[in-house]
C-alpha cells in the first residue's frame, strides 16, 4: 500500500481579515464611583480609562469570540466550514474544559476544524498569532482563525478599587492565510516568559493548587490579585526592550513603522514605552480610554482602532507588543496586507 503524503511547503503567513466585538453594556467611571471608593479623576489620571464594556450575565467568553469570528469571516467573505484551525487566547474560558475553542467551533459551524485554547494573559493574542502563523508557514493549513477574548468582569472583585477599575470585556479575531506573491505578511517575533513574576498578577484559586472550596470563595481567591507597582515596573521595562530587540534584529528604525500597537493595560505604560523608544505619539495606538484592559482582546481591538483612524494601509509596517501575567512578553512585526 502506498501512502500519499500531504505536501508541505514553506510560505509566509498574513492577516487577511479582522473582526472585533465588545458587548453593548458600558460601565463608566461615574458608575464605578457609586460602587467603590474611587473617582473619574483618580482612574483617568492613573490609567487613562474612562469607560469599559461589560458582558451581560448568562453570556460567556465564547459568545464574544464567536461574534468577533463571524465578523472576521464576513469581511473575508468565506464560510466557517473553510476554517481549518481555531486558536482562542483567553484566561477566562467558559469553563476549564472543554476548551473554549471547541465551543467556538461548534457555535460557528466550523465543521472539520480543530483547535485549542492558549493561556498567556495579556500576551495571549500575540502568542496565538505566531502559533497560527507557523501552522500556515509549515504548509499544514491555509486558513487559521486566531481569537483573543476575555470576560474579565467575571473574575473581578468590584469592592477592590485597585483592580475593578482596570478591566473590561471584549474579543477580536483575525484570519491567517498564506501571503500572495509580492506580499510580506508576518515578518518576525520575540517572545519571553519570566515566571519569577507570577505572584505579581494572578487568580490564586480554581486550579489544582487551590481547588474551589467555601474557604477559597470566602477569601476572594477566585478574583484577580495584582501587585500594581511590580507589574508597572516590569511592563515599562520589557515593553520597550522587546520592541528594541525586534527592530534591531530586522534593521528597522522606529521611523520606519507605520504604527505601534501596544497592549492596553495602562496609558502611562504606553506613554513611557513610546518615550523610551523615541516614537512620535501619532504613531502609537491608544484606545484604553474606551475599553479598559480587555486582556487577550486588547491587541485586536487596537488593530481595529488603528484601521478606523486610517493608520493601516496595504503594506503598512506595524509592530505589536505586550506584557502580561506570568510574566509573559511578546512582540510581532508584520506588514498589513489588507
C-alpha atoms as a PDB file:
ATOM      1  CA  UNK A   1       0.000   0.000   0.000  1.00  0.00           C
ATOM      2  CA  UNK A   2       1.418   3.401  -0.991  1.00  0.00           C
ATOM      3  CA  UNK A   3       0.745   6.358   1.308  1.00  0.00           C
ATOM      4  CA  UNK A   4       0.042   9.696  -0.328  1.00  0.00           C
ATOM      5  CA  UNK A   5       1.702  12.319   1.862  1.00  0.00           C
ATOM      6  CA  UNK A   6       0.257  15.813   2.054  1.00  0.00           C
ATOM      7  CA  UNK A   7       2.770  18.259   0.528  1.00  0.00           C
ATOM      8  CA  UNK A   8       4.469  20.670   2.933  1.00  0.00           C
ATOM      9  CA  UNK A   9       5.625  23.962   1.513  1.00  0.00           C
ATOM     10  CA  UNK A  10       7.136  26.892   3.340  1.00  0.00           C
ATOM     11  CA  UNK A  11       5.375  30.221   2.873  1.00  0.00           C
ATOM     12  CA  UNK A  12       4.714  33.417   4.769  1.00  0.00           C
ATOM     13  CA  UNK A  13       1.502  33.969   6.680  1.00  0.00           C
ATOM     14  CA  UNK A  14      -0.566  37.148   6.551  1.00  0.00           C
ATOM     15  CA  UNK A  15      -3.627  38.582   8.263  1.00  0.00           C
ATOM     16  CA  UNK A  16      -6.389  38.548   5.659  1.00  0.00           C
ATOM     17  CA  UNK A  17      -9.367  39.750   7.736  1.00  0.00           C
ATOM     18  CA  UNK A  18     -10.237  41.255  11.111  1.00  0.00           C
ATOM     19  CA  UNK A  19     -13.359  41.213  13.267  1.00  0.00           C
ATOM     20  CA  UNK A  20     -13.894  42.778  16.697  1.00  0.00           C
ATOM     21  CA  UNK A  21     -16.663  42.793  19.267  1.00  0.00           C
ATOM     22  CA  UNK A  22     -17.428  44.482  22.580  1.00  0.00           C
ATOM     23  CA  UNK A  23     -20.685  43.967  24.487  1.00  0.00           C
ATOM     24  CA  UNK A  24     -23.155  46.871  24.391  1.00  0.00           C
ATOM     25  CA  UNK A  25     -23.280  47.498  28.139  1.00  0.00           C
ATOM     26  CA  UNK A  26     -20.909  50.313  29.158  1.00  0.00           C
ATOM     27  CA  UNK A  27     -19.540  50.769  32.679  1.00  0.00           C
ATOM     28  CA  UNK A  28     -18.253  54.314  33.126  1.00  0.00           C
ATOM     29  CA  UNK A  29     -16.028  55.779  35.799  1.00  0.00           C
ATOM     30  CA  UNK A  30     -19.103  57.576  37.131  1.00  0.00           C
ATOM     31  CA  UNK A  31     -20.800  54.184  37.544  1.00  0.00           C
ATOM     32  CA  UNK A  32     -17.794  52.902  39.476  1.00  0.00           C
ATOM     33  CA  UNK A  33     -17.909  55.941  41.755  1.00  0.00           C
ATOM     34  CA  UNK A  34     -21.246  54.608  43.014  1.00  0.00           C
ATOM     35  CA  UNK A  35     -19.833  51.125  43.563  1.00  0.00           C
ATOM     36  CA  UNK A  36     -16.446  51.652  45.167  1.00  0.00           C
ATOM     37  CA  UNK A  37     -14.326  54.413  46.736  1.00  0.00           C
ATOM     38  CA  UNK A  38     -12.882  55.944  43.573  1.00  0.00           C
ATOM     39  CA  UNK A  39     -13.422  58.837  41.171  1.00  0.00           C
ATOM     40  CA  UNK A  40     -13.258  59.603  37.474  1.00  0.00           C
ATOM     41  CA  UNK A  41     -10.253  61.857  38.072  1.00  0.00           C
ATOM     42  CA  UNK A  42      -8.418  59.189  40.090  1.00  0.00           C
ATOM     43  CA  UNK A  43      -8.967  56.488  37.458  1.00  0.00           C
ATOM     44  CA  UNK A  44      -8.234  58.576  34.384  1.00  0.00           C
ATOM     45  CA  UNK A  45      -5.130  60.263  35.788  1.00  0.00           C
ATOM     46  CA  UNK A  46      -3.583  56.946  36.803  1.00  0.00           C
ATOM     47  CA  UNK A  47      -4.511  54.571  33.999  1.00  0.00           C
ATOM     48  CA  UNK A  48      -6.233  56.608  31.266  1.00  0.00           C
ATOM     49  CA  UNK A  49      -9.581  54.776  31.317  1.00  0.00           C
ATOM     50  CA  UNK A  50     -12.958  56.498  31.062  1.00  0.00           C
ATOM     51  CA  UNK A  51     -15.223  53.522  30.343  1.00  0.00           C
ATOM     52  CA  UNK A  52     -15.208  49.810  29.647  1.00  0.00           C
ATOM     53  CA  UNK A  53     -17.695  47.289  28.198  1.00  0.00           C
ATOM     54  CA  UNK A  54     -19.194  44.557  30.381  1.00  0.00           C
ATOM     55  CA  UNK A  55     -20.766  41.317  29.181  1.00  0.00           C
ATOM     56  CA  UNK A  56     -24.328  40.619  30.272  1.00  0.00           C
ATOM     57  CA  UNK A  57     -24.985  37.808  32.783  1.00  0.00           C
ATOM     58  CA  UNK A  58     -25.708  34.475  31.153  1.00  0.00           C
ATOM     59  CA  UNK A  59     -23.203  35.057  28.340  1.00  0.00           C
ATOM     60  CA  UNK A  60     -19.563  33.991  28.264  1.00  0.00           C
ATOM     61  CA  UNK A  61     -16.241  34.392  26.501  1.00  0.00           C
ATOM     62  CA  UNK A  62     -17.217  32.015  23.689  1.00  0.00           C
ATOM     63  CA  UNK A  63     -20.183  34.230  22.798  1.00  0.00           C
ATOM     64  CA  UNK A  64     -17.973  37.266  22.265  1.00  0.00           C
ATOM     65  CA  UNK A  65     -15.367  35.169  20.446  1.00  0.00           C
ATOM     66  CA  UNK A  66     -17.993  33.811  18.048  1.00  0.00           C
ATOM     67  CA  UNK A  67     -19.331  37.282  17.264  1.00  0.00           C
ATOM     68  CA  UNK A  68     -15.823  38.583  16.521  1.00  0.00           C
ATOM     69  CA  UNK A  69     -15.115  35.494  14.408  1.00  0.00           C
ATOM     70  CA  UNK A  70     -18.328  35.901  12.411  1.00  0.00           C
ATOM     71  CA  UNK A  71     -17.445  39.497  11.614  1.00  0.00           C
ATOM     72  CA  UNK A  72     -13.959  38.439  10.598  1.00  0.00           C
ATOM     73  CA  UNK A  73     -15.189  35.715   8.253  1.00  0.00           C
ATOM     74  CA  UNK A  74     -17.864  38.018   6.817  1.00  0.00           C
ATOM     75  CA  UNK A  75     -15.171  40.569   5.978  1.00  0.00           C
ATOM     76  CA  UNK A  76     -13.232  37.867   4.141  1.00  0.00           C
ATOM     77  CA  UNK A  77     -16.417  36.587   2.507  1.00  0.00           C
ATOM     78  CA  UNK A  78     -15.950  32.941   3.428  1.00  0.00           C
ATOM     79  CA  UNK A  79     -17.984  30.335   5.273  1.00  0.00           C
ATOM     80  CA  UNK A  80     -16.916  28.935   8.640  1.00  0.00           C
ATOM     81  CA  UNK A  81     -16.560  25.496   7.060  1.00  0.00           C
ATOM     82  CA  UNK A  82     -13.408  26.774   5.300  1.00  0.00           C
ATOM     83  CA  UNK A  83     -11.623  27.366   8.621  1.00  0.00           C
ATOM     84  CA  UNK A  84      -9.140  24.589   9.358  1.00  0.00           C
ATOM     85  CA  UNK A  85      -7.900  25.530  12.841  1.00  0.00           C
ATOM     86  CA  UNK A  86      -9.091  27.774  15.676  1.00  0.00           C
ATOM     87  CA  UNK A  87      -6.842  29.160  18.407  1.00  0.00           C
ATOM     88  CA  UNK A  88      -8.526  31.021  21.264  1.00  0.00           C
ATOM     89  CA  UNK A  89      -6.307  33.113  23.534  1.00  0.00           C
ATOM     90  CA  UNK A  90      -8.071  33.622  26.878  1.00  0.00           C
ATOM     91  CA  UNK A  91      -7.665  33.463  30.644  1.00  0.00           C
ATOM     92  CA  UNK A  92     -11.417  33.467  31.192  1.00  0.00           C
ATOM     93  CA  UNK A  93     -12.623  30.351  29.366  1.00  0.00           C
ATOM     94  CA  UNK A  94     -16.294  29.462  29.638  1.00  0.00           C
ATOM     95  CA  UNK A  95     -15.117  26.569  31.821  1.00  0.00           C
ATOM     96  CA  UNK A  96     -11.838  24.754  32.479  1.00  0.00           C
ATOM     97  CA  UNK A  97     -12.853  22.125  29.954  1.00  0.00           C
ATOM     98  CA  UNK A  98     -13.889  21.641  27.259  1.00  0.00           C
ATOM     99  CA  UNK A  99     -11.682  24.266  25.643  1.00  0.00           C
ATOM    100  CA  UNK A 100     -13.412  27.451  24.566  1.00  0.00           C
ATOM    101  CA  UNK A 101     -12.095  26.738  21.061  1.00  0.00           C
ATOM    102  CA  UNK A 102     -14.364  23.672  20.987  1.00  0.00           C
ATOM    103  CA  UNK A 103     -17.379  25.797  21.926  1.00  0.00           C
ATOM    104  CA  UNK A 104     -16.471  28.404  19.313  1.00  0.00           C
ATOM    105  CA  UNK A 105     -16.040  25.741  16.625  1.00  0.00           C
ATOM    106  CA  UNK A 106     -19.489  24.343  17.360  1.00  0.00           C
ATOM    107  CA  UNK A 107     -21.284  27.704  17.545  1.00  0.00           C
ATOM    108  CA  UNK A 108     -19.594  28.894  14.354  1.00  0.00           C
ATOM    109  CA  UNK A 109     -20.377  25.704  12.483  1.00  0.00           C
ATOM    110  CA  UNK A 110     -16.709  25.299  11.552  1.00  0.00           C
ATOM    111  CA  UNK A 111     -17.064  21.617  10.745  1.00  0.00           C
ATOM    112  CA  UNK A 112     -13.758  19.859  10.248  1.00  0.00           C
ATOM    113  CA  UNK A 113     -11.697  22.445  12.135  1.00  0.00           C
ATOM    114  CA  UNK A 114      -9.530  21.534  15.103  1.00  0.00           C
ATOM    115  CA  UNK A 115      -8.253  23.908  17.754  1.00  0.00           C
ATOM    116  CA  UNK A 116      -7.263  24.699  21.298  1.00  0.00           C
ATOM    117  CA  UNK A 117      -7.038  27.433  23.917  1.00  0.00           C
ATOM    118  CA  UNK A 118      -3.843  29.334  24.687  1.00  0.00           C
ATOM    119  CA  UNK A 119      -3.290  30.929  28.100  1.00  0.00           C
ATOM    120  CA  UNK A 120      -0.759  33.761  28.204  1.00  0.00           C
ATOM    121  CA  UNK A 121      -2.914  36.511  29.765  1.00  0.00           C
ATOM    122  CA  UNK A 122      -2.373  39.891  28.083  1.00  0.00           C
ATOM    123  CA  UNK A 123       0.189  38.426  25.675  1.00  0.00           C
ATOM    124  CA  UNK A 124      -2.223  35.695  24.640  1.00  0.00           C
ATOM    125  CA  UNK A 125      -3.231  37.127  21.275  1.00  0.00           C
ATOM    126  CA  UNK A 126       0.341  37.905  20.229  1.00  0.00           C
ATOM    127  CA  UNK A 127       1.407  34.365  21.169  1.00  0.00           C
ATOM    128  CA  UNK A 128      -1.580  32.781  19.414  1.00  0.00           C
ATOM    129  CA  UNK A 129      -0.908  34.873  16.323  1.00  0.00           C
ATOM    130  CA  UNK A 130       2.546  33.350  15.968  1.00  0.00           C
ATOM    131  CA  UNK A 131       1.327  29.814  16.618  1.00  0.00           C
ATOM    132  CA  UNK A 132      -1.277  30.290  13.897  1.00  0.00           C
ATOM    133  CA  UNK A 133       1.293  31.799  11.562  1.00  0.00           C
ATOM    134  CA  UNK A 134       3.522  28.749  11.960  1.00  0.00           C
ATOM    135  CA  UNK A 135       0.615  26.474  11.045  1.00  0.00           C
ATOM    136  CA  UNK A 136       0.308  28.454   7.811  1.00  0.00           C
ATOM    137  CA  UNK A 137       4.044  28.695   7.164  1.00  0.00           C
ATOM    138  CA  UNK A 138       4.515  24.948   7.635  1.00  0.00           C
ATOM    139  CA  UNK A 139       2.048  24.290   4.851  1.00  0.00           C
ATOM    140  CA  UNK A 140      -0.223  22.368   7.210  1.00  0.00           C
ATOM    141  CA  UNK A 141      -3.164  24.772   6.846  1.00  0.00           C
ATOM    142  CA  UNK A 142      -4.475  27.505   4.574  1.00  0.00           C
ATOM    143  CA  UNK A 143      -6.960  29.224   6.905  1.00  0.00           C
ATOM    144  CA  UNK A 144      -6.388  29.623  10.644  1.00  0.00           C
ATOM    145  CA  UNK A 145      -8.669  31.655  12.893  1.00  0.00           C
ATOM    146  CA  UNK A 146      -6.907  33.374  15.812  1.00  0.00           C
ATOM    147  CA  UNK A 147      -9.109  34.876  18.523  1.00  0.00           C
ATOM    148  CA  UNK A 148      -8.313  36.913  21.631  1.00  0.00           C
ATOM    149  CA  UNK A 149     -11.265  37.113  24.020  1.00  0.00           C
ATOM    150  CA  UNK A 150     -11.733  37.711  27.747  1.00  0.00           C
ATOM    151  CA  UNK A 151     -14.607  38.304  30.130  1.00  0.00           C
ATOM    152  CA  UNK A 152     -12.556  39.947  32.849  1.00  0.00           C
ATOM    153  CA  UNK A 153     -15.670  41.142  34.655  1.00  0.00           C
ATOM    154  CA  UNK A 154     -16.268  37.505  35.641  1.00  0.00           C
ATOM    155  CA  UNK A 155     -13.136  37.405  37.810  1.00  0.00           C
ATOM    156  CA  UNK A 156     -13.141  40.926  39.281  1.00  0.00           C
ATOM    157  CA  UNK A 157     -13.900  41.910  42.862  1.00  0.00           C
ATOM    158  CA  UNK A 158     -15.977  45.064  42.474  1.00  0.00           C
ATOM    159  CA  UNK A 159     -15.127  46.105  46.028  1.00  0.00           C
ATOM    160  CA  UNK A 160     -11.399  46.224  45.188  1.00  0.00           C
ATOM    161  CA  UNK A 161     -10.743  49.595  43.597  1.00  0.00           C
ATOM    162  CA  UNK A 162      -7.170  48.670  42.656  1.00  0.00           C
ATOM    163  CA  UNK A 163      -8.348  46.085  40.115  1.00  0.00           C
ATOM    164  CA  UNK A 164     -12.024  46.559  39.271  1.00  0.00           C
ATOM    165  CA  UNK A 165     -11.420  49.908  37.559  1.00  0.00           C
ATOM    166  CA  UNK A 166      -8.842  48.459  35.170  1.00  0.00           C
ATOM    167  CA  UNK A 167     -10.541  45.763  33.136  1.00  0.00           C
ATOM    168  CA  UNK A 168     -13.276  45.354  30.556  1.00  0.00           C
ATOM    169  CA  UNK A 169     -14.672  42.617  28.308  1.00  0.00           C
ATOM    170  CA  UNK A 170     -14.180  42.150  24.582  1.00  0.00           C
ATOM    171  CA  UNK A 171     -12.979  39.986  21.697  1.00  0.00           C
ATOM    172  CA  UNK A 172     -11.095  40.240  18.439  1.00  0.00           C
ATOM    173  CA  UNK A 173     -10.384  37.739  15.668  1.00  0.00           C
ATOM    174  CA  UNK A 174      -8.085  37.598  12.670  1.00  0.00           C
ATOM    175  CA  UNK A 175      -7.912  35.134   9.807  1.00  0.00           C
ATOM    176  CA  UNK A 176      -4.451  33.962   8.813  1.00  0.00           C
ATOM    177  CA  UNK A 177      -3.770  32.780   5.276  1.00  0.00           C
ATOM    178  CA  UNK A 178      -0.702  32.294   3.040  1.00  0.00           C
ATOM    179  CA  UNK A 179       0.690  35.561   1.715  1.00  0.00           C
ATOM    180  CA  UNK A 180       0.352  36.042  -2.035  1.00  0.00           C
ATOM    181  CA  UNK A 181       3.290  36.705  -4.322  1.00  0.00           C
ATOM    182  CA  UNK A 182       4.689  40.153  -3.569  1.00  0.00           C
ATOM    183  CA  UNK A 183       3.164  40.263  -0.090  1.00  0.00           C
ATOM    184  CA  UNK A 184       5.198  40.095   3.127  1.00  0.00           C
ATOM    185  CA  UNK A 185       2.790  39.460   5.999  1.00  0.00           C
ATOM    186  CA  UNK A 186       4.297  38.177   9.238  1.00  0.00           C
ATOM    187  CA  UNK A 187       7.984  39.100   9.497  1.00  0.00           C
ATOM    188  CA  UNK A 188       9.373  38.293  12.943  1.00  0.00           C
ATOM    189  CA  UNK A 189       8.550  37.869  16.611  1.00  0.00           C
ATOM    190  CA  UNK A 190      10.193  37.910  20.036  1.00  0.00           C
ATOM    191  CA  UNK A 191       8.552  36.086  22.955  1.00  0.00           C
ATOM    192  CA  UNK A 192       9.724  35.697  26.537  1.00  0.00           C
ATOM    193  CA  UNK A 193       8.384  34.464  29.857  1.00  0.00           C
ATOM    194  CA  UNK A 194       9.609  35.232  33.363  1.00  0.00           C
ATOM    195  CA  UNK A 195       7.840  33.023  35.860  1.00  0.00           C
ATOM    196  CA  UNK A 196       9.542  34.704  38.804  1.00  0.00           C
ATOM    197  CA  UNK A 197       6.925  37.449  38.461  1.00  0.00           C
ATOM    198  CA  UNK A 198       3.993  35.045  38.603  1.00  0.00           C
ATOM    199  CA  UNK A 199       2.832  36.162  42.038  1.00  0.00           C
ATOM    200  CA  UNK A 200       2.501  39.790  40.947  1.00  0.00           C
ATOM    201  CA  UNK A 201      -0.626  39.173  38.870  1.00  0.00           C
ATOM    202  CA  UNK A 202      -2.737  36.078  39.323  1.00  0.00           C
ATOM    203  CA  UNK A 203      -6.028  34.434  40.195  1.00  0.00           C
ATOM    204  CA  UNK A 204      -4.930  32.285  43.159  1.00  0.00           C
ATOM    205  CA  UNK A 205      -7.704  29.688  43.292  1.00  0.00           C
ATOM    206  CA  UNK A 206      -9.660  27.499  40.899  1.00  0.00           C
ATOM    207  CA  UNK A 207      -6.790  25.298  39.765  1.00  0.00           C
ATOM    208  CA  UNK A 208      -5.204  22.172  41.196  1.00  0.00           C
ATOM    209  CA  UNK A 209      -3.202  24.085  43.824  1.00  0.00           C
ATOM    210  CA  UNK A 210      -6.250  25.693  45.410  1.00  0.00           C
ATOM    211  CA  UNK A 211      -9.381  23.937  44.101  1.00  0.00           C
ATOM    212  CA  UNK A 212     -12.705  25.637  44.850  1.00  0.00           C
ATOM    213  CA  UNK A 213     -13.824  25.410  48.468  1.00  0.00           C
ATOM    214  CA  UNK A 214     -16.008  27.503  50.738  1.00  0.00           C
ATOM    215  CA  UNK A 215     -12.770  28.905  52.174  1.00  0.00           C
ATOM    216  CA  UNK A 216     -11.292  29.965  48.810  1.00  0.00           C
ATOM    217  CA  UNK A 217     -14.561  31.678  47.920  1.00  0.00           C
ATOM    218  CA  UNK A 218     -14.789  33.436  51.297  1.00  0.00           C
ATOM    219  CA  UNK A 219     -11.195  34.637  50.925  1.00  0.00           C
ATOM    220  CA  UNK A 220     -11.897  36.026  47.441  1.00  0.00           C
ATOM    221  CA  UNK A 221      -9.237  33.839  45.884  1.00  0.00           C
ATOM    222  CA  UNK A 222     -11.167  33.455  42.612  1.00  0.00           C
ATOM    223  CA  UNK A 223     -10.659  37.107  41.711  1.00  0.00           C
ATOM    224  CA  UNK A 224      -7.730  38.929  40.104  1.00  0.00           C
ATOM    225  CA  UNK A 225      -4.962  39.792  42.574  1.00  0.00           C
ATOM    226  CA  UNK A 226      -2.307  42.274  41.497  1.00  0.00           C
ATOM    227  CA  UNK A 227       0.830  43.961  42.803  1.00  0.00           C
ATOM    228  CA  UNK A 228       0.386  47.080  40.715  1.00  0.00           C
ATOM    229  CA  UNK A 229       3.839  48.557  41.232  1.00  0.00           C
ATOM    230  CA  UNK A 230       5.649  45.340  40.328  1.00  0.00           C
ATOM    231  CA  UNK A 231       3.569  44.905  37.175  1.00  0.00           C
ATOM    232  CA  UNK A 232       4.039  48.537  36.160  1.00  0.00           C
ATOM    233  CA  UNK A 233       7.835  48.488  36.539  1.00  0.00           C
ATOM    234  CA  UNK A 234       8.212  45.221  34.644  1.00  0.00           C
ATOM    235  CA  UNK A 235       5.856  46.296  31.861  1.00  0.00           C
ATOM    236  CA  UNK A 236       7.553  49.629  31.224  1.00  0.00           C
ATOM    237  CA  UNK A 237      10.971  47.988  31.007  1.00  0.00           C
ATOM    238  CA  UNK A 238      10.079  44.899  28.991  1.00  0.00           C
ATOM    239  CA  UNK A 239       7.666  46.516  26.534  1.00  0.00           C
ATOM    240  CA  UNK A 240      10.442  48.780  25.286  1.00  0.00           C
ATOM    241  CA  UNK A 241      13.159  46.091  25.498  1.00  0.00           C
ATOM    242  CA  UNK A 242      11.308  43.548  23.384  1.00  0.00           C
ATOM    243  CA  UNK A 243      10.394  46.241  20.859  1.00  0.00           C
ATOM    244  CA  UNK A 244      14.001  47.402  20.574  1.00  0.00           C
ATOM    245  CA  UNK A 245      15.146  43.792  20.144  1.00  0.00           C
ATOM    246  CA  UNK A 246      12.857  43.024  17.224  1.00  0.00           C
ATOM    247  CA  UNK A 247      13.566  46.333  15.482  1.00  0.00           C
ATOM    248  CA  UNK A 248      17.327  45.929  15.815  1.00  0.00           C
ATOM    249  CA  UNK A 249      17.224  42.324  14.624  1.00  0.00           C
ATOM    250  CA  UNK A 250      15.436  43.417  11.457  1.00  0.00           C
ATOM    251  CA  UNK A 251      17.458  46.622  10.924  1.00  0.00           C
ATOM    252  CA  UNK A 252      14.331  48.753  11.218  1.00  0.00           C
ATOM    253  CA  UNK A 253      14.168  52.190  12.816  1.00  0.00           C
ATOM    254  CA  UNK A 254      11.170  53.495  14.728  1.00  0.00           C
ATOM    255  CA  UNK A 255      10.678  55.996  11.914  1.00  0.00           C
ATOM    256  CA  UNK A 256      10.008  53.115   9.528  1.00  0.00           C
ATOM    257  CA  UNK A 257       6.965  51.964  11.489  1.00  0.00           C
ATOM    258  CA  UNK A 258       3.533  52.974  10.265  1.00  0.00           C
ATOM    259  CA  UNK A 259       2.126  52.381  13.739  1.00  0.00           C
ATOM    260  CA  UNK A 260       2.926  50.830  17.101  1.00  0.00           C
ATOM    261  CA  UNK A 261       0.090  48.819  18.640  1.00  0.00           C
ATOM    262  CA  UNK A 262       0.774  48.058  22.326  1.00  0.00           C
ATOM    263  CA  UNK A 263      -1.219  46.108  24.863  1.00  0.00           C
ATOM    264  CA  UNK A 264      -3.667  48.470  26.556  1.00  0.00           C
ATOM    265  CA  UNK A 265      -3.041  47.971  30.279  1.00  0.00           C
ATOM    266  CA  UNK A 266      -2.227  51.484  31.425  1.00  0.00           C
ATOM    267  CA  UNK A 267      -1.845  54.684  29.439  1.00  0.00           C
ATOM    268  CA  UNK A 268       1.219  55.664  31.455  1.00  0.00           C
ATOM    269  CA  UNK A 269       2.950  52.395  30.493  1.00  0.00           C
ATOM    270  CA  UNK A 270       2.220  53.078  26.820  1.00  0.00           C
ATOM    271  CA  UNK A 271       3.481  56.683  27.004  1.00  0.00           C
ATOM    272  CA  UNK A 272       6.621  55.653  28.889  1.00  0.00           C
ATOM    273  CA  UNK A 273       7.342  52.979  26.289  1.00  0.00           C
ATOM    274  CA  UNK A 274       6.852  55.441  23.425  1.00  0.00           C
ATOM    275  CA  UNK A 275       9.181  57.928  25.122  1.00  0.00           C
ATOM    276  CA  UNK A 276      11.898  55.315  25.653  1.00  0.00           C
ATOM    277  CA  UNK A 277      11.688  54.267  22.003  1.00  0.00           C
ATOM    278  CA  UNK A 278      11.503  57.794  20.640  1.00  0.00           C
ATOM    279  CA  UNK A 279       8.170  57.037  18.966  1.00  0.00           C
ATOM    280  CA  UNK A 280       6.005  60.015  17.993  1.00  0.00           C
ATOM    281  CA  UNK A 281       2.603  59.696  19.652  1.00  0.00           C
ATOM    282  CA  UNK A 282       0.771  59.976  16.334  1.00  0.00           C
ATOM    283  CA  UNK A 283       2.154  56.517  15.520  1.00  0.00           C
ATOM    284  CA  UNK A 284       1.041  54.986  18.834  1.00  0.00           C
ATOM    285  CA  UNK A 285      -2.427  53.448  19.024  1.00  0.00           C
ATOM    286  CA  UNK A 286      -4.192  54.133  22.330  1.00  0.00           C
ATOM    287  CA  UNK A 287      -7.815  53.181  22.964  1.00  0.00           C
ATOM    288  CA  UNK A 288      -7.683  52.216  26.634  1.00  0.00           C
ATOM    289  CA  UNK A 289      -9.957  55.153  27.431  1.00  0.00           C
ATOM    290  CA  UNK A 290     -12.821  53.384  25.584  1.00  0.00           C
ATOM    291  CA  UNK A 291     -12.281  49.752  26.535  1.00  0.00           C
ATOM    292  CA  UNK A 292     -10.009  49.424  29.559  1.00  0.00           C
ATOM    293  CA  UNK A 293      -7.768  46.370  29.715  1.00  0.00           C
ATOM    294  CA  UNK A 294      -9.529  43.540  27.884  1.00  0.00           C
ATOM    295  CA  UNK A 295      -6.503  41.231  28.332  1.00  0.00           C
ATOM    296  CA  UNK A 296      -6.180  38.972  25.248  1.00  0.00           C
ATOM    297  CA  UNK A 297      -8.582  41.186  23.279  1.00  0.00           C
ATOM    298  CA  UNK A 298      -6.653  44.458  23.591  1.00  0.00           C
ATOM    299  CA  UNK A 299      -4.349  43.946  20.605  1.00  0.00           C
ATOM    300  CA  UNK A 300      -7.033  43.006  18.040  1.00  0.00           C
ATOM    301  CA  UNK A 301      -9.305  45.773  19.362  1.00  0.00           C
ATOM    302  CA  UNK A 302      -6.418  48.222  18.974  1.00  0.00           C
ATOM    303  CA  UNK A 303      -5.757  46.953  15.435  1.00  0.00           C
ATOM    304  CA  UNK A 304      -9.405  47.781  14.765  1.00  0.00           C
ATOM    305  CA  UNK A 305      -8.897  51.265  16.187  1.00  0.00           C
ATOM    306  CA  UNK A 306      -5.816  51.771  14.005  1.00  0.00           C
ATOM    307  CA  UNK A 307      -7.846  50.861  10.957  1.00  0.00           C
ATOM    308  CA  UNK A 308     -10.703  53.181  11.993  1.00  0.00           C
ATOM    309  CA  UNK A 309      -8.218  56.048  12.242  1.00  0.00           C
ATOM    310  CA  UNK A 310      -6.789  55.354   8.790  1.00  0.00           C
ATOM    311  CA  UNK A 311      -3.408  54.265  10.142  1.00  0.00           C
ATOM    312  CA  UNK A 312      -3.408  50.948   8.281  1.00  0.00           C
ATOM    313  CA  UNK A 313      -2.959  50.772   4.540  1.00  0.00           C
ATOM    314  CA  UNK A 314      -1.806  47.806   2.463  1.00  0.00           C
ATOM    315  CA  UNK A 315       1.911  47.458   3.091  1.00  0.00           C
ATOM    316  CA  UNK A 316       1.904  49.359   6.388  1.00  0.00           C
ATOM    317  CA  UNK A 317       4.670  48.185   8.727  1.00  0.00           C
ATOM    318  CA  UNK A 318       3.229  47.596  12.197  1.00  0.00           C
ATOM    319  CA  UNK A 319       4.595  46.354  15.477  1.00  0.00           C
ATOM    320  CA  UNK A 320       2.532  44.672  18.192  1.00  0.00           C
ATOM    321  CA  UNK A 321       3.866  44.499  21.759  1.00  0.00           C
ATOM    322  CA  UNK A 322       2.518  43.103  25.015  1.00  0.00           C
ATOM    323  CA  UNK A 323       3.324  42.235  28.608  1.00  0.00           C
ATOM    324  CA  UNK A 324       1.043  40.062  30.724  1.00  0.00           C
ATOM    325  CA  UNK A 325       0.678  37.930  33.815  1.00  0.00           C
ATOM    326  CA  UNK A 326       3.178  35.136  34.070  1.00  0.00           C
ATOM    327  CA  UNK A 327       5.103  37.311  33.326  1.00  0.00           C
ATOM    328  CA  UNK A 328       4.666  36.947  29.565  1.00  0.00           C
ATOM    329  CA  UNK A 329       6.220  39.260  26.976  1.00  0.00           C
ATOM    330  CA  UNK A 330       5.715  39.362  23.232  1.00  0.00           C
ATOM    331  CA  UNK A 331       6.274  41.446  20.118  1.00  0.00           C
ATOM    332  CA  UNK A 332       5.358  40.811  16.484  1.00  0.00           C
ATOM    333  CA  UNK A 333       6.488  42.670  13.377  1.00  0.00           C
ATOM    334  CA  UNK A 334       4.350  42.451  10.231  1.00  0.00           C
ATOM    335  CA  UNK A 335       3.196  44.088   7.056  1.00  0.00           C
ATOM    336  CA  UNK A 336      -0.513  44.813   6.834  1.00  0.00           C
ATOM    337  CA  UNK A 337      -1.735  43.172   3.615  1.00  0.00           C
ATOM    338  CA  UNK A 338      -5.443  44.055   3.558  1.00  0.00           C
END
